[in-house]
């Protein structure tokens, strides 16, 4: 059965049309996030200034999972530390923030267990 035009636009009368539309939207969103991640990675690797004390890159087979390290800032109790983390990036990135898991234990007010919690990540 075919759909019809209604006040809000196309009204589907079949499950296949809705599913196809959802898949198309999801595929487009995933393609957009993949392009954004590739651009972010290129910016990180080609930056002339570089990020002091921070390194990160995606896994070879998964652009949505990155591993990285942060060096503790000088003149703090974390100064000699190197903290390993994993970022799990959602398919709707950058609309939704990544989830950051720390593999190095660190006593810090923004770390709860092994999760980094920041307002900008909420």
N, C-alpha and C. Protein backbone atom coordinates (compact mmCIF):
# COMPACT_ATOMS: atom_id res chain seq x y z
N UNK A 1 0.84 -1.17 0.00
CA UNK A 1 0.00 0.00 0.00
C UNK A 1 0.89 1.23 0.00
N UNK A 2 0.52 2.21 -0.74
CA UNK A 2 1.32 3.43 -0.85
C UNK A 2 0.90 4.44 0.20
N UNK A 3 1.80 5.38 0.49
CA UNK A 3 1.51 6.44 1.44
C UNK A 3 0.86 7.62 0.72
N UNK A 4 0.54 8.62 1.49
CA UNK A 4 -0.08 9.81 0.90
C UNK A 4 0.50 11.06 1.55
N UNK A 5 0.27 12.18 0.90
CA UNK A 5 0.71 13.45 1.47
C UNK A 5 -0.31 13.91 2.50
N UNK A 6 0.18 14.32 3.65
CA UNK A 6 -0.69 14.83 4.70
C UNK A 6 -0.25 16.22 5.09
N UNK A 7 -0.85 16.76 6.14
CA UNK A 7 -0.50 18.11 6.58
C UNK A 7 0.97 18.21 6.96
N UNK A 8 1.54 17.16 7.56
CA UNK A 8 2.93 17.20 8.02
C UNK A 8 3.90 16.67 6.99
N UNK A 9 3.45 16.36 5.80
CA UNK A 9 4.34 15.80 4.79
C UNK A 9 3.91 14.40 4.42
N UNK A 10 4.85 13.55 4.14
CA UNK A 10 4.56 12.19 3.69
C UNK A 10 4.09 11.33 4.85
N UNK A 11 3.01 10.63 4.67
CA UNK A 11 2.50 9.70 5.68
C UNK A 11 2.66 8.31 5.13
N UNK A 12 3.42 7.51 5.82
CA UNK A 12 3.65 6.15 5.35
C UNK A 12 2.54 5.23 5.82
N UNK A 13 2.16 4.34 4.95
CA UNK A 13 1.18 3.34 5.35
C UNK A 13 1.82 1.98 5.42
N UNK A 14 3.12 1.97 5.23
CA UNK A 14 3.83 0.70 5.28
C UNK A 14 5.08 0.81 6.13
N UNK A 15 5.38 -0.24 6.84
CA UNK A 15 6.54 -0.28 7.72
C UNK A 15 7.85 -0.14 6.94
N UNK A 16 7.90 -0.66 5.73
CA UNK A 16 9.12 -0.62 4.94
C UNK A 16 9.56 0.81 4.65
N UNK A 17 8.65 1.69 4.37
CA UNK A 17 8.99 3.07 4.06
C UNK A 17 9.61 3.74 5.27
N UNK A 18 8.99 3.57 6.46
CA UNK A 18 9.53 4.16 7.67
C UNK A 18 10.91 3.61 7.97
N UNK A 19 11.09 2.33 7.85
CA UNK A 19 12.38 1.71 8.11
C UNK A 19 13.43 2.22 7.13
N UNK A 20 13.08 2.31 5.87
CA UNK A 20 14.02 2.81 4.87
C UNK A 20 14.40 4.25 5.16
N UNK A 21 13.44 5.07 5.56
CA UNK A 21 13.72 6.46 5.86
C UNK A 21 14.63 6.57 7.08
N UNK A 22 14.40 5.73 8.10
CA UNK A 22 15.25 5.74 9.29
C UNK A 22 16.66 5.30 8.95
N UNK A 23 16.79 4.26 8.12
CA UNK A 23 18.11 3.80 7.72
C UNK A 23 18.84 4.87 6.93
N UNK A 24 18.16 5.55 6.06
CA UNK A 24 18.77 6.60 5.26
C UNK A 24 19.27 7.73 6.17
N UNK A 25 18.46 8.13 7.13
CA UNK A 25 18.86 9.19 8.07
C UNK A 25 20.04 8.74 8.91
N UNK A 26 20.01 7.49 9.38
CA UNK A 26 21.11 6.96 10.19
C UNK A 26 22.39 6.87 9.37
N UNK A 27 22.30 6.38 8.13
CA UNK A 27 23.46 6.27 7.27
C UNK A 27 24.07 7.64 6.98
N UNK A 28 23.22 8.64 6.76
CA UNK A 28 23.70 9.99 6.50
C UNK A 28 24.41 10.55 7.73
N UNK A 29 23.82 10.33 8.91
CA UNK A 29 24.41 10.81 10.15
C UNK A 29 25.76 10.13 10.40
N UNK A 30 25.82 8.82 10.16
CA UNK A 30 27.07 8.08 10.35
C UNK A 30 28.13 8.57 9.38
N UNK A 31 27.75 8.83 8.14
CA UNK A 31 28.71 9.35 7.15
C UNK A 31 29.21 10.73 7.56
N UNK A 32 28.32 11.58 8.07
CA UNK A 32 28.72 12.91 8.52
C UNK A 32 29.69 12.83 9.70
N UNK A 33 29.39 11.94 10.65
CA UNK A 33 30.27 11.82 11.82
C UNK A 33 31.61 11.23 11.41
N UNK A 34 31.63 10.30 10.48
CA UNK A 34 32.90 9.72 10.02
C UNK A 34 33.75 10.79 9.33
N UNK A 35 33.13 11.62 8.51
CA UNK A 35 33.88 12.71 7.86
C UNK A 35 34.43 13.68 8.91
N UNK A 36 33.62 14.00 9.90
CA UNK A 36 34.07 14.91 10.96
C UNK A 36 35.24 14.31 11.72
N UNK A 37 35.17 13.02 12.04
CA UNK A 37 36.26 12.37 12.75
C UNK A 37 37.54 12.34 11.92
N UNK A 38 37.41 12.09 10.64
CA UNK A 38 38.57 12.11 9.76
C UNK A 38 39.19 13.50 9.72
N UNK A 39 38.35 14.53 9.68
CA UNK A 39 38.83 15.91 9.68
C UNK A 39 39.52 16.24 11.02
N UNK A 40 38.91 15.80 12.13
CA UNK A 40 39.51 16.03 13.45
C UNK A 40 40.87 15.35 13.55
N UNK A 41 40.96 14.11 13.05
CA UNK A 41 42.22 13.37 13.12
C UNK A 41 43.28 14.05 12.25
N UNK A 42 42.89 14.49 11.08
CA UNK A 42 43.83 15.18 10.19
C UNK A 42 44.34 16.46 10.87
N UNK A 43 43.44 17.18 11.51
CA UNK A 43 43.82 18.41 12.21
C UNK A 43 44.82 18.11 13.32
N UNK A 44 44.59 17.03 14.05
CA UNK A 44 45.52 16.64 15.13
C UNK A 44 46.89 16.27 14.58
N UNK A 45 46.92 15.50 13.51
CA UNK A 45 48.20 14.99 12.99
C UNK A 45 48.96 16.04 12.19
N UNK A 46 48.27 16.99 11.59
CA UNK A 46 48.95 17.97 10.75
C UNK A 46 49.14 19.33 11.40
N UNK A 47 48.74 19.46 12.65
CA UNK A 47 48.85 20.74 13.35
C UNK A 47 50.32 21.11 13.54
N UNK A 48 50.67 22.33 13.18
CA UNK A 48 52.05 22.80 13.32
C UNK A 48 52.41 23.04 14.79
N UNK A 49 51.45 23.49 15.59
CA UNK A 49 51.70 23.74 17.01
C UNK A 49 51.70 22.45 17.81
N UNK A 50 50.81 21.53 17.47
CA UNK A 50 50.68 20.29 18.22
C UNK A 50 50.03 20.54 19.57
N UNK A 51 49.54 19.50 20.15
CA UNK A 51 48.96 19.59 21.48
C UNK A 51 50.01 19.15 22.49
N UNK A 52 50.39 20.03 23.37
CA UNK A 52 51.41 19.71 24.35
C UNK A 52 50.82 18.77 25.40
N UNK A 53 51.42 17.61 25.54
CA UNK A 53 51.01 16.67 26.57
C UNK A 53 49.80 15.82 26.23
N UNK A 54 49.29 15.92 25.01
CA UNK A 54 48.11 15.14 24.64
C UNK A 54 48.37 14.44 23.31
N UNK A 55 48.04 13.16 23.26
CA UNK A 55 48.10 12.44 21.99
C UNK A 55 46.90 11.51 21.94
N UNK A 56 46.34 11.34 20.75
CA UNK A 56 45.20 10.46 20.57
C UNK A 56 45.08 10.07 19.11
N UNK A 57 44.60 8.86 18.87
CA UNK A 57 44.33 8.44 17.50
C UNK A 57 43.33 7.30 17.51
N UNK A 58 42.62 7.13 16.40
CA UNK A 58 41.63 6.05 16.33
C UNK A 58 42.32 4.69 16.20
N UNK A 59 41.59 3.66 16.59
CA UNK A 59 42.08 2.30 16.37
C UNK A 59 42.15 2.05 14.87
N UNK A 60 43.04 1.20 14.41
CA UNK A 60 43.18 0.98 12.97
C UNK A 60 41.90 0.52 12.27
N UNK A 61 41.07 -0.23 12.98
CA UNK A 61 39.86 -0.78 12.36
C UNK A 61 38.57 -0.17 12.88
N UNK A 62 38.67 0.93 13.66
CA UNK A 62 37.46 1.51 14.26
C UNK A 62 37.65 3.02 14.47
N UNK A 63 37.10 3.82 13.57
CA UNK A 63 37.23 5.27 13.65
C UNK A 63 36.48 5.84 14.87
N UNK A 64 35.59 5.07 15.47
CA UNK A 64 34.78 5.55 16.58
C UNK A 64 35.36 5.19 17.94
N UNK A 65 36.52 4.55 17.98
CA UNK A 65 37.20 4.26 19.23
C UNK A 65 38.63 4.78 19.13
N UNK A 66 38.95 5.72 19.98
CA UNK A 66 40.28 6.32 20.00
C UNK A 66 40.96 6.00 21.32
N UNK A 67 42.28 5.84 21.28
CA UNK A 67 43.09 5.71 22.48
C UNK A 67 44.05 6.87 22.52
N UNK A 68 44.39 7.29 23.72
CA UNK A 68 45.30 8.42 23.84
C UNK A 68 45.93 8.51 25.21
N UNK A 69 46.79 9.50 25.35
CA UNK A 69 47.48 9.77 26.60
C UNK A 69 47.48 11.26 26.88
N UNK A 70 47.40 11.57 28.15
CA UNK A 70 47.52 12.96 28.61
C UNK A 70 48.64 12.99 29.64
N UNK A 71 49.57 13.90 29.47
CA UNK A 71 50.64 14.10 30.46
C UNK A 71 50.13 15.07 31.51
N UNK A 72 50.46 14.79 32.75
CA UNK A 72 50.06 15.69 33.83
C UNK A 72 50.71 17.05 33.67
N UNK A 73 49.96 18.13 33.91
CA UNK A 73 50.51 19.48 33.77
C UNK A 73 51.63 19.75 34.78
N UNK A 74 52.62 20.52 34.35
CA UNK A 74 53.72 20.90 35.24
C UNK A 74 53.18 21.66 36.45
N UNK A 75 53.91 21.58 37.52
CA UNK A 75 53.57 22.30 38.77
C UNK A 75 52.24 21.86 39.36
N UNK A 76 51.86 20.61 39.14
CA UNK A 76 50.68 20.04 39.80
C UNK A 76 51.08 18.69 40.38
N UNK A 77 50.24 18.12 41.19
CA UNK A 77 50.57 16.81 41.76
C UNK A 77 50.52 15.70 40.70
N UNK A 78 50.03 16.02 39.49
CA UNK A 78 49.97 15.04 38.39
C UNK A 78 51.13 15.22 37.40
N UNK A 79 52.08 16.09 37.72
CA UNK A 79 53.13 16.51 36.79
C UNK A 79 53.91 15.35 36.16
N UNK A 80 54.19 14.31 36.86
CA UNK A 80 55.00 13.23 36.30
C UNK A 80 54.15 12.07 35.79
N UNK A 81 52.86 12.25 35.78
CA UNK A 81 51.97 11.17 35.35
C UNK A 81 51.65 11.21 33.86
N UNK A 82 51.43 10.04 33.31
CA UNK A 82 50.91 9.90 31.96
C UNK A 82 49.65 9.06 32.10
N UNK A 83 48.54 9.59 31.63
CA UNK A 83 47.25 8.96 31.86
C UNK A 83 46.65 8.48 30.55
N UNK A 84 46.45 7.17 30.48
CA UNK A 84 45.93 6.54 29.26
C UNK A 84 44.41 6.55 29.29
N UNK A 85 43.78 6.84 28.15
CA UNK A 85 42.32 6.89 28.08
C UNK A 85 41.81 6.30 26.77
N UNK A 86 40.52 5.99 26.78
CA UNK A 86 39.81 5.54 25.58
C UNK A 86 38.61 6.45 25.38
N UNK A 87 38.43 6.92 24.15
CA UNK A 87 37.24 7.69 23.81
C UNK A 87 36.37 6.81 22.92
N UNK A 88 35.13 6.63 23.32
CA UNK A 88 34.15 5.94 22.49
C UNK A 88 33.23 7.02 21.94
N UNK A 89 33.25 7.16 20.63
CA UNK A 89 32.56 8.27 19.99
C UNK A 89 31.25 7.79 19.40
N UNK A 90 30.13 8.45 19.72
CA UNK A 90 28.83 8.02 19.22
C UNK A 90 28.66 8.29 17.72
N UNK A 91 27.76 7.56 17.09
CA UNK A 91 27.53 7.70 15.66
C UNK A 91 26.96 9.07 15.30
N UNK A 92 26.38 9.79 16.26
CA UNK A 92 25.85 11.12 15.95
C UNK A 92 26.80 12.24 16.38
N UNK A 93 28.08 11.91 16.56
CA UNK A 93 29.10 12.92 16.84
C UNK A 93 29.13 13.92 15.69
N UNK A 94 29.24 15.18 15.93
CA UNK A 94 29.54 15.91 17.16
C UNK A 94 28.31 16.38 17.93
N UNK A 95 27.13 15.93 17.53
CA UNK A 95 25.92 16.33 18.28
C UNK A 95 25.92 15.76 19.69
N UNK A 96 26.48 14.57 19.86
CA UNK A 96 26.61 13.94 21.17
C UNK A 96 28.09 13.80 21.49
N UNK A 97 28.45 13.98 22.76
CA UNK A 97 29.87 13.94 23.13
C UNK A 97 30.40 12.50 23.25
N UNK A 98 31.72 12.35 23.18
CA UNK A 98 32.31 11.03 23.38
C UNK A 98 32.24 10.62 24.84
N UNK A 99 32.34 9.33 25.07
CA UNK A 99 32.44 8.76 26.41
C UNK A 99 33.92 8.51 26.65
N UNK A 100 34.47 9.00 27.75
CA UNK A 100 35.90 8.85 28.00
C UNK A 100 36.11 7.96 29.21
N UNK A 101 36.88 6.89 28.99
CA UNK A 101 37.22 5.93 30.02
C UNK A 101 38.71 6.02 30.28
N UNK A 102 39.09 6.19 31.56
CA UNK A 102 40.50 6.25 31.93
C UNK A 102 40.99 4.86 32.31
N UNK A 103 42.19 4.51 31.86
CA UNK A 103 42.79 3.23 32.22
C UNK A 103 43.82 3.39 33.33
N UNK A 104 44.21 4.63 33.60
CA UNK A 104 45.15 4.93 34.66
C UNK A 104 44.36 5.53 35.81
N UNK A 105 44.54 4.96 36.99
CA UNK A 105 43.83 5.51 38.15
C UNK A 105 44.39 6.89 38.46
N UNK A 106 43.47 7.81 38.74
CA UNK A 106 43.86 9.19 39.03
C UNK A 106 42.90 9.79 40.04
N UNK A 107 43.44 10.28 41.15
CA UNK A 107 42.58 10.97 42.12
C UNK A 107 42.31 12.40 41.62
N UNK A 108 41.13 12.62 41.10
CA UNK A 108 40.81 13.94 40.55
C UNK A 108 39.32 14.18 40.75
N UNK A 109 38.90 15.42 41.01
CA UNK A 109 37.48 15.68 41.26
C UNK A 109 36.58 15.42 40.05
N UNK A 110 37.12 15.35 38.83
CA UNK A 110 36.30 15.08 37.65
C UNK A 110 36.38 13.63 37.20
N UNK A 111 36.99 12.78 38.01
CA UNK A 111 37.10 11.36 37.68
C UNK A 111 36.31 10.57 38.71
N UNK A 112 35.39 9.75 38.22
CA UNK A 112 34.57 8.90 39.07
C UNK A 112 34.79 7.47 38.64
N UNK A 113 35.55 6.72 39.45
CA UNK A 113 35.92 5.37 39.04
C UNK A 113 36.90 5.49 37.89
N UNK A 114 36.48 5.02 36.71
CA UNK A 114 37.34 5.16 35.52
C UNK A 114 36.70 6.06 34.46
N UNK A 115 35.69 6.83 34.85
CA UNK A 115 34.99 7.72 33.90
C UNK A 115 35.37 9.18 34.15
N UNK A 116 35.65 9.89 33.06
CA UNK A 116 35.91 11.32 33.11
C UNK A 116 34.58 12.04 32.96
N UNK A 117 34.29 12.91 33.90
CA UNK A 117 33.03 13.65 33.88
C UNK A 117 33.31 15.15 33.80
N UNK A 118 32.90 15.75 32.70
CA UNK A 118 33.03 17.19 32.51
C UNK A 118 31.72 17.72 31.96
N UNK A 119 31.40 18.96 32.29
CA UNK A 119 30.18 19.58 31.77
C UNK A 119 30.14 19.53 30.24
N UNK A 120 31.29 19.75 29.61
CA UNK A 120 31.31 19.77 28.15
C UNK A 120 31.05 18.39 27.54
N UNK A 121 31.15 17.33 28.35
CA UNK A 121 30.88 15.98 27.84
C UNK A 121 29.46 15.52 28.12
N UNK A 122 28.68 16.36 28.76
CA UNK A 122 27.31 15.98 29.12
C UNK A 122 26.35 16.45 28.05
